[in-house]
């Protein structure tokens, strides 16, 4: 588990990279945010410009459900969303990437590291908040979500 200091340092580095993007020269390459989700390992690695910055446990689809695989860009963000499909279940810090599929926070943190969702990618609330803030900072155009089995 990352210490609070390491989370602050990583987040500060990400914010600095994004700031450089906003105030840098026009010819500068945009900073890239990459979230790689490994379904078999139930882990998400977040990299900034190719350098791993975070690694978090996730929960993806449990038996009978599917987490889509492939390469995606965020389509929309919601600080708080309630699932219309699953009894108004709360989905804090949602980063939608494929229809109704999203990376979002879960209160079921003991289940992280094992399949437990209806197909979304669940994160610890603190990690989901960080990921949401990073996507907002870097922007959807500079963010990729890659999901593999």
N, C-alpha and C. Protein backbone atom coordinates (compact mmCIF):
# COMPACT_ATOMS: atom_id res chain seq x y z
N UNK A 1 0.84 -1.18 0.00
CA UNK A 1 0.00 0.00 0.00
C UNK A 1 0.89 1.24 0.00
N UNK A 2 0.54 2.19 -0.85
CA UNK A 2 1.35 3.39 -0.93
C UNK A 2 1.14 4.26 0.29
N UNK A 3 2.21 4.85 0.76
CA UNK A 3 2.06 5.78 1.87
C UNK A 3 1.46 7.07 1.35
N UNK A 4 0.89 7.84 2.25
CA UNK A 4 0.29 9.12 1.87
C UNK A 4 1.33 10.01 1.22
N UNK A 5 2.55 10.04 1.75
CA UNK A 5 3.60 10.88 1.18
C UNK A 5 3.88 10.49 -0.26
N UNK A 6 3.99 9.18 -0.54
CA UNK A 6 4.25 8.74 -1.91
C UNK A 6 3.10 9.13 -2.83
N UNK A 7 1.85 9.01 -2.35
CA UNK A 7 0.69 9.41 -3.16
C UNK A 7 0.78 10.90 -3.49
N UNK A 8 1.13 11.72 -2.49
CA UNK A 8 1.23 13.17 -2.70
C UNK A 8 2.35 13.48 -3.69
N UNK A 9 3.49 12.81 -3.55
CA UNK A 9 4.62 13.05 -4.45
C UNK A 9 4.24 12.64 -5.88
N UNK A 10 3.64 11.46 -6.05
CA UNK A 10 3.23 11.02 -7.38
C UNK A 10 2.21 11.96 -7.98
N UNK A 11 1.26 12.38 -7.19
CA UNK A 11 0.22 13.26 -7.71
C UNK A 11 0.80 14.62 -8.07
N UNK A 12 1.73 15.11 -7.25
CA UNK A 12 2.39 16.38 -7.55
C UNK A 12 3.16 16.30 -8.86
N UNK A 13 3.83 15.17 -9.09
CA UNK A 13 4.58 14.99 -10.34
C UNK A 13 3.62 14.98 -11.53
N UNK A 14 2.49 14.32 -11.37
CA UNK A 14 1.50 14.28 -12.44
C UNK A 14 0.95 15.67 -12.71
N UNK A 15 0.66 16.40 -11.66
CA UNK A 15 0.14 17.76 -11.84
C UNK A 15 1.18 18.65 -12.50
N UNK A 16 2.44 18.48 -12.13
CA UNK A 16 3.50 19.27 -12.76
C UNK A 16 3.61 18.96 -14.25
N UNK A 17 3.50 17.69 -14.60
CA UNK A 17 3.55 17.31 -16.01
C UNK A 17 2.38 17.92 -16.77
N UNK A 18 1.22 17.90 -16.16
CA UNK A 18 0.04 18.48 -16.82
C UNK A 18 0.19 19.99 -16.93
N UNK A 19 0.74 20.63 -15.91
CA UNK A 19 0.96 22.08 -15.97
C UNK A 19 1.92 22.44 -17.09
N UNK A 20 2.97 21.64 -17.23
CA UNK A 20 3.92 21.88 -18.31
C UNK A 20 3.23 21.79 -19.66
N UNK A 21 2.28 20.88 -19.76
CA UNK A 21 1.50 20.74 -20.98
C UNK A 21 0.72 22.02 -21.27
N UNK A 22 0.11 22.58 -20.23
CA UNK A 22 -0.74 23.75 -20.42
C UNK A 22 0.05 25.02 -20.71
N UNK A 23 1.25 25.14 -20.11
CA UNK A 23 1.99 26.39 -20.29
C UNK A 23 3.23 26.23 -21.18
N UNK A 24 3.47 25.02 -21.67
CA UNK A 24 4.64 24.74 -22.49
C UNK A 24 4.52 25.33 -23.89
N UNK A 25 5.59 25.20 -24.63
CA UNK A 25 5.62 25.69 -26.01
C UNK A 25 4.62 24.91 -26.86
N UNK A 26 4.12 25.55 -27.91
CA UNK A 26 3.14 24.91 -28.80
C UNK A 26 3.68 23.63 -29.42
N UNK A 27 4.98 23.58 -29.65
CA UNK A 27 5.55 22.41 -30.30
C UNK A 27 5.79 21.26 -29.32
N UNK A 28 5.62 21.51 -28.03
CA UNK A 28 5.85 20.45 -27.04
C UNK A 28 4.81 19.35 -27.19
N UNK A 29 5.29 18.11 -27.01
CA UNK A 29 4.39 16.95 -27.07
C UNK A 29 3.54 16.93 -25.80
N UNK A 30 2.27 16.60 -25.96
CA UNK A 30 1.37 16.52 -24.82
C UNK A 30 1.74 15.35 -23.92
N UNK A 31 1.67 15.57 -22.61
CA UNK A 31 1.90 14.48 -21.66
C UNK A 31 0.77 13.47 -21.79
N UNK A 32 1.12 12.19 -21.62
CA UNK A 32 0.16 11.11 -21.80
C UNK A 32 -0.06 10.36 -20.49
N UNK A 33 -1.31 10.04 -20.23
CA UNK A 33 -1.71 9.24 -19.07
C UNK A 33 -2.20 7.90 -19.60
N UNK A 34 -1.66 6.82 -19.07
CA UNK A 34 -2.05 5.48 -19.51
C UNK A 34 -2.45 4.66 -18.30
N UNK A 35 -3.65 4.11 -18.34
CA UNK A 35 -4.12 3.17 -17.31
C UNK A 35 -4.20 1.80 -17.95
N UNK A 36 -3.36 0.88 -17.50
CA UNK A 36 -3.36 -0.49 -18.01
C UNK A 36 -4.00 -1.39 -16.96
N UNK A 37 -5.09 -2.05 -17.36
CA UNK A 37 -5.80 -2.94 -16.46
C UNK A 37 -5.51 -4.37 -16.89
N UNK A 38 -4.98 -5.16 -15.97
CA UNK A 38 -4.69 -6.57 -16.22
C UNK A 38 -5.76 -7.38 -15.48
N UNK A 39 -6.72 -7.92 -16.22
CA UNK A 39 -7.83 -8.65 -15.62
C UNK A 39 -7.35 -9.87 -14.86
N UNK A 40 -6.39 -10.61 -15.43
CA UNK A 40 -5.93 -11.83 -14.76
C UNK A 40 -5.22 -11.52 -13.44
N UNK A 41 -4.52 -10.41 -13.36
CA UNK A 41 -3.82 -10.02 -12.14
C UNK A 41 -4.68 -9.16 -11.22
N UNK A 42 -5.82 -8.65 -11.74
CA UNK A 42 -6.69 -7.75 -10.98
C UNK A 42 -5.89 -6.54 -10.47
N UNK A 43 -5.13 -5.94 -11.39
CA UNK A 43 -4.30 -4.78 -11.09
C UNK A 43 -4.44 -3.72 -12.18
N UNK A 44 -4.27 -2.48 -11.78
CA UNK A 44 -4.24 -1.37 -12.72
C UNK A 44 -2.94 -0.61 -12.48
N UNK A 45 -2.19 -0.41 -13.55
CA UNK A 45 -0.96 0.37 -13.48
C UNK A 45 -1.20 1.66 -14.24
N UNK A 46 -0.94 2.78 -13.58
CA UNK A 46 -1.10 4.10 -14.19
C UNK A 46 0.29 4.65 -14.47
N UNK A 47 0.52 4.98 -15.74
CA UNK A 47 1.81 5.53 -16.16
C UNK A 47 1.63 6.93 -16.71
N UNK A 48 2.63 7.74 -16.47
CA UNK A 48 2.66 9.11 -17.00
C UNK A 48 3.86 9.21 -17.91
N UNK A 49 3.60 9.49 -19.17
CA UNK A 49 4.66 9.56 -20.18
C UNK A 49 5.55 8.31 -20.16
N UNK A 50 4.91 7.15 -20.01
CA UNK A 50 5.62 5.88 -20.06
C UNK A 50 6.26 5.44 -18.76
N UNK A 51 6.18 6.27 -17.73
CA UNK A 51 6.78 5.92 -16.44
C UNK A 51 5.69 5.51 -15.45
N UNK A 52 5.75 4.29 -14.92
CA UNK A 52 4.74 3.87 -13.94
C UNK A 52 4.73 4.81 -12.73
N UNK A 53 3.53 5.25 -12.36
CA UNK A 53 3.38 6.15 -11.22
C UNK A 53 2.56 5.51 -10.10
N UNK A 54 1.62 4.66 -10.47
CA UNK A 54 0.75 4.01 -9.49
C UNK A 54 0.50 2.57 -9.92
N UNK A 55 0.25 1.72 -8.91
CA UNK A 55 -0.27 0.38 -9.19
C UNK A 55 -1.29 0.08 -8.10
N UNK A 56 -2.51 -0.24 -8.53
CA UNK A 56 -3.61 -0.44 -7.61
C UNK A 56 -4.32 -1.76 -7.86
N UNK A 57 -4.87 -2.34 -6.79
CA UNK A 57 -5.75 -3.49 -6.92
C UNK A 57 -7.08 -3.01 -7.51
N UNK A 58 -7.68 -3.85 -8.33
CA UNK A 58 -9.00 -3.55 -8.90
C UNK A 58 -9.90 -4.77 -8.72
N UNK A 59 -11.16 -4.58 -8.98
CA UNK A 59 -12.10 -5.68 -9.16
C UNK A 59 -12.75 -5.47 -10.51
N UNK A 60 -12.70 -6.51 -11.34
CA UNK A 60 -13.36 -6.47 -12.64
C UNK A 60 -14.53 -7.46 -12.59
N UNK A 61 -15.06 -7.82 -13.74
CA UNK A 61 -16.29 -8.62 -13.82
C UNK A 61 -16.18 -9.97 -13.12
N UNK A 62 -17.19 -10.25 -12.33
CA UNK A 62 -17.29 -11.58 -11.72
C UNK A 62 -17.95 -12.53 -12.71
N UNK A 63 -18.03 -13.80 -12.34
CA UNK A 63 -18.62 -14.83 -13.20
C UNK A 63 -20.02 -14.40 -13.67
N UNK A 64 -20.25 -14.57 -14.97
CA UNK A 64 -21.53 -14.21 -15.55
C UNK A 64 -21.57 -12.81 -16.14
N UNK A 65 -20.51 -12.03 -15.93
CA UNK A 65 -20.42 -10.67 -16.44
C UNK A 65 -19.11 -10.51 -17.21
N UNK A 66 -18.98 -9.42 -17.94
CA UNK A 66 -17.80 -9.20 -18.78
C UNK A 66 -17.26 -7.79 -18.58
N UNK A 67 -15.96 -7.69 -18.45
CA UNK A 67 -15.26 -6.41 -18.55
C UNK A 67 -14.69 -6.37 -19.95
N UNK A 68 -15.04 -5.34 -20.74
CA UNK A 68 -14.54 -5.30 -22.12
C UNK A 68 -13.02 -5.15 -22.16
N UNK A 69 -12.41 -5.79 -23.15
CA UNK A 69 -10.97 -5.65 -23.35
C UNK A 69 -10.74 -4.76 -24.56
N UNK A 70 -9.56 -4.17 -24.62
CA UNK A 70 -9.22 -3.30 -25.75
C UNK A 70 -8.61 -2.01 -25.26
N UNK A 71 -8.52 -1.07 -26.18
CA UNK A 71 -7.95 0.25 -25.90
C UNK A 71 -9.05 1.29 -26.02
N UNK A 72 -9.19 2.12 -25.00
CA UNK A 72 -10.28 3.08 -24.93
C UNK A 72 -9.78 4.45 -24.51
N UNK A 73 -10.58 5.46 -24.76
CA UNK A 73 -10.38 6.82 -24.24
C UNK A 73 -11.57 7.12 -23.35
N UNK A 74 -11.38 7.92 -22.31
CA UNK A 74 -12.53 8.32 -21.50
C UNK A 74 -13.56 9.05 -22.37
N UNK A 75 -14.82 8.74 -22.14
CA UNK A 75 -15.90 9.39 -22.89
C UNK A 75 -16.62 10.44 -22.06
N UNK A 76 -16.63 10.25 -20.75
CA UNK A 76 -17.21 11.25 -19.85
C UNK A 76 -16.78 10.95 -18.42
N UNK A 77 -16.88 11.97 -17.59
CA UNK A 77 -16.53 11.84 -16.19
C UNK A 77 -17.72 12.28 -15.35
N UNK A 78 -17.88 11.67 -14.19
CA UNK A 78 -18.93 12.06 -13.25
C UNK A 78 -18.38 11.94 -11.84
N UNK A 79 -18.40 13.05 -11.11
CA UNK A 79 -17.91 13.01 -9.73
C UNK A 79 -18.75 12.03 -8.91
N UNK A 80 -20.05 11.98 -9.19
CA UNK A 80 -20.92 10.99 -8.55
C UNK A 80 -21.96 10.56 -9.58
N UNK A 81 -22.05 9.26 -9.79
CA UNK A 81 -23.02 8.69 -10.73
C UNK A 81 -23.76 7.58 -10.02
N UNK A 82 -25.02 7.40 -10.39
CA UNK A 82 -25.82 6.31 -9.84
C UNK A 82 -26.25 5.42 -11.00
N UNK A 83 -25.94 4.16 -10.90
CA UNK A 83 -26.22 3.21 -11.97
C UNK A 83 -27.72 3.04 -12.17
N UNK A 84 -28.19 3.37 -13.37
CA UNK A 84 -29.59 3.16 -13.70
C UNK A 84 -29.88 1.68 -13.92
N UNK A 85 -28.86 0.94 -14.30
CA UNK A 85 -29.03 -0.48 -14.60
C UNK A 85 -29.01 -1.36 -13.34
N UNK A 86 -28.27 -0.94 -12.32
CA UNK A 86 -28.10 -1.76 -11.13
C UNK A 86 -28.59 -1.04 -9.87
N UNK A 87 -29.89 -0.82 -9.78
CA UNK A 87 -30.56 -0.33 -8.57
C UNK A 87 -29.99 0.96 -7.99
N UNK A 88 -29.64 1.89 -8.85
CA UNK A 88 -29.10 3.18 -8.39
C UNK A 88 -27.84 3.02 -7.54
N UNK A 89 -27.06 1.98 -7.79
CA UNK A 89 -25.80 1.80 -7.05
C UNK A 89 -24.89 2.99 -7.28
N UNK A 90 -24.28 3.51 -6.20
CA UNK A 90 -23.39 4.66 -6.35
C UNK A 90 -22.09 4.28 -7.04
N UNK A 91 -21.62 5.17 -7.92
CA UNK A 91 -20.37 4.99 -8.65
C UNK A 91 -19.56 6.29 -8.54
N UNK A 92 -18.96 6.54 -7.36
CA UNK A 92 -18.20 7.78 -7.19
C UNK A 92 -16.97 7.83 -8.09
N UNK A 93 -16.62 9.03 -8.50
CA UNK A 93 -15.43 9.29 -9.32
C UNK A 93 -15.38 8.38 -10.54
N UNK A 94 -16.45 8.41 -11.31
CA UNK A 94 -16.56 7.56 -12.50
C UNK A 94 -15.85 8.17 -13.70
N UNK A 95 -15.05 7.33 -14.35
CA UNK A 95 -14.42 7.66 -15.62
C UNK A 95 -14.97 6.65 -16.62
N UNK A 96 -15.98 7.06 -17.39
CA UNK A 96 -16.62 6.17 -18.36
C UNK A 96 -15.73 6.03 -19.58
N UNK A 97 -15.66 4.80 -20.12
CA UNK A 97 -14.77 4.56 -21.26
C UNK A 97 -15.40 3.75 -22.37
N UNK A 98 -16.56 3.12 -22.13
CA UNK A 98 -17.18 2.27 -23.16
C UNK A 98 -18.64 2.09 -22.77
N UNK A 99 -19.52 2.90 -23.36
CA UNK A 99 -20.93 2.83 -22.99
C UNK A 99 -21.10 3.09 -21.50
N UNK A 100 -21.73 2.14 -20.79
CA UNK A 100 -21.94 2.29 -19.36
C UNK A 100 -20.81 1.77 -18.50
N UNK A 101 -19.72 1.31 -19.10
CA UNK A 101 -18.57 0.81 -18.34
C UNK A 101 -17.71 1.97 -17.87
N UNK A 102 -17.24 1.85 -16.62
CA UNK A 102 -16.44 2.93 -16.04
C UNK A 102 -15.41 2.37 -15.08
N UNK A 103 -14.40 3.18 -14.83
CA UNK A 103 -13.49 2.98 -13.71
C UNK A 103 -14.09 3.85 -12.61
N UNK A 104 -14.35 3.27 -11.43
CA UNK A 104 -14.97 4.06 -10.36
C UNK A 104 -14.65 3.48 -8.99
N UNK A 105 -14.98 4.26 -7.95
CA UNK A 105 -14.74 3.85 -6.57
C UNK A 105 -15.76 2.81 -6.13
N UNK A 106 -15.36 2.02 -5.14
CA UNK A 106 -16.26 1.04 -4.54
C UNK A 106 -16.09 1.07 -3.02
N UNK A 107 -17.17 0.82 -2.29
CA UNK A 107 -17.03 0.69 -0.84
C UNK A 107 -16.59 -0.74 -0.45
N UNK A 108 -16.62 -1.65 -1.40
CA UNK A 108 -16.29 -3.06 -1.13
C UNK A 108 -14.79 -3.30 -1.29
N UNK A 109 -14.01 -2.62 -0.46
CA UNK A 109 -12.55 -2.66 -0.64
C UNK A 109 -11.95 -4.02 -0.30
N UNK A 110 -12.62 -4.82 0.51
CA UNK A 110 -12.10 -6.15 0.82
C UNK A 110 -12.15 -7.07 -0.40
N UNK A 111 -12.97 -6.73 -1.39
CA UNK A 111 -13.08 -7.54 -2.60
C UNK A 111 -12.05 -7.15 -3.66
N UNK A 112 -11.37 -6.02 -3.47
CA UNK A 112 -10.38 -5.58 -4.45
C UNK A 112 -9.30 -6.64 -4.57
N UNK A 113 -8.87 -6.88 -5.81
CA UNK A 113 -7.88 -7.92 -6.07
C UNK A 113 -8.53 -9.21 -6.54
N UNK A 114 -9.87 -9.21 -6.60
CA UNK A 114 -10.59 -10.38 -7.11
C UNK A 114 -11.81 -9.91 -7.90
N UNK A 115 -12.26 -10.70 -8.87
CA UNK A 115 -13.42 -10.32 -9.68
C UNK A 115 -14.66 -10.16 -8.79
N UNK A 116 -15.37 -9.04 -8.94
CA UNK A 116 -16.53 -8.80 -8.08
C UNK A 116 -17.59 -7.90 -8.72
N UNK A 117 -17.30 -7.31 -9.88
CA UNK A 117 -18.20 -6.30 -10.44
C UNK A 117 -19.13 -6.87 -11.49
N UNK A 118 -19.99 -5.99 -11.98
CA UNK A 118 -20.86 -6.33 -13.12
C UNK A 118 -20.16 -6.04 -14.44
N UNK A 119 -18.91 -5.62 -14.39
CA UNK A 119 -18.14 -5.35 -15.60
C UNK A 119 -17.29 -4.10 -15.50
N UNK A 120 -17.67 -3.19 -14.61
CA UNK A 120 -16.86 -1.99 -14.40
C UNK A 120 -15.56 -2.35 -13.71
N UNK A 121 -14.67 -1.39 -13.66
CA UNK A 121 -13.39 -1.55 -12.98
C UNK A 121 -13.48 -0.77 -11.68
N UNK A 122 -13.50 -1.49 -10.59
CA UNK A 122 -13.64 -0.88 -9.27
C UNK A 122 -12.28 -0.61 -8.65
N UNK A 123 -12.18 0.53 -7.97
CA UNK A 123 -10.96 0.95 -7.27
C UNK A 123 -11.28 1.35 -5.84
N UNK A 124 -10.25 1.32 -5.00
CA UNK A 124 -10.36 1.89 -3.65
C UNK A 124 -10.78 3.36 -3.82
N UNK A 125 -11.62 3.89 -2.93
CA UNK A 125 -12.08 5.28 -3.08
C UNK A 125 -10.96 6.31 -3.22
N UNK A 126 -9.88 6.18 -2.46
CA UNK A 126 -8.78 7.15 -2.58
C UNK A 126 -8.11 7.05 -3.95
N UNK A 127 -7.95 5.83 -4.46
CA UNK A 127 -7.32 5.64 -5.77
C UNK A 127 -8.23 6.12 -6.88
N UNK A 128 -9.52 5.87 -6.75
CA UNK A 128 -10.48 6.34 -7.76
C UNK A 128 -10.49 7.87 -7.81
N UNK A 129 -10.41 8.49 -6.65
CA UNK A 129 -10.36 9.96 -6.59
C UNK A 129 -9.11 10.48 -7.29
N UNK A 130 -7.97 9.83 -7.04
CA UNK A 130 -6.72 10.24 -7.69
C UNK A 130 -6.81 10.04 -9.20
N UNK A 131 -7.32 8.89 -9.64
CA UNK A 131 -7.41 8.61 -11.07
C UNK A 131 -8.34 9.62 -11.74
N UNK A 132 -9.47 9.88 -11.14
CA UNK A 132 -10.43 10.85 -11.67
C UNK A 132 -9.76 12.23 -11.83
N UNK A 133 -9.03 12.66 -10.80
CA UNK A 133 -8.34 13.96 -10.86
C UNK A 133 -7.26 13.96 -11.95
N UNK A 134 -6.55 12.86 -12.10
CA UNK A 134 -5.54 12.79 -13.15
C UNK A 134 -6.17 12.89 -14.54
N UNK A 135 -7.27 12.18 -14.76
CA UNK A 135 -7.94 12.23 -16.06
C UNK A 135 -8.45 13.64 -16.33
N UNK A 136 -9.00 14.30 -15.32
CA UNK A 136 -9.45 15.69 -15.49
C UNK A 136 -8.27 16.60 -15.84
N UNK A 137 -7.14 16.37 -15.19
CA UNK A 137 -5.96 17.21 -15.41
C UNK A 137 -5.35 16.98 -16.80
N UNK A 138 -5.17 15.72 -17.17
CA UNK A 138 -4.54 15.40 -18.45
C UNK A 138 -5.51 15.54 -19.62
N UNK A 139 -6.79 15.32 -19.37
CA UNK A 139 -7.80 15.39 -20.42
C UNK A 139 -8.00 14.06 -21.11
N UNK A 140 -9.20 13.86 -21.61
CA UNK A 140 -9.57 12.60 -22.26
C UNK A 140 -8.70 12.32 -23.48
N UNK A 141 -8.34 13.36 -24.22
CA UNK A 141 -7.54 13.17 -25.44
C UNK A 141 -6.14 12.64 -25.14
N UNK A 142 -5.65 12.90 -23.92
CA UNK A 142 -4.31 12.48 -23.54
C UNK A 142 -4.32 11.30 -22.58
N UNK A 143 -5.47 10.64 -22.47
CA UNK A 143 -5.63 9.51 -21.56
C UNK A 143 -6.03 8.27 -22.35
N UNK A 144 -5.37 7.16 -22.07
CA UNK A 144 -5.74 5.85 -22.67
C UNK A 144 -6.01 4.88 -21.53
N UNK A 145 -7.03 4.06 -21.74
CA UNK A 145 -7.35 2.98 -20.81
C UNK A 145 -7.23 1.69 -21.63
N UNK A 146 -6.27 0.85 -21.27
CA UNK A 146 -6.02 -0.39 -22.00
C UNK A 146 -6.33 -1.55 -21.06
N UNK A 147 -7.22 -2.43 -21.51
CA UNK A 147 -7.65 -3.55 -20.68
C UNK A 147 -7.28 -4.86 -21.38
N UNK A 148 -6.54 -5.71 -20.67
CA UNK A 148 -6.10 -7.00 -21.22
C UNK A 148 -6.49 -8.11 -20.26
N UNK A 149 -6.56 -9.34 -20.81
CA UNK A 149 -6.87 -10.52 -19.95
C UNK A 149 -5.59 -11.08 -19.38
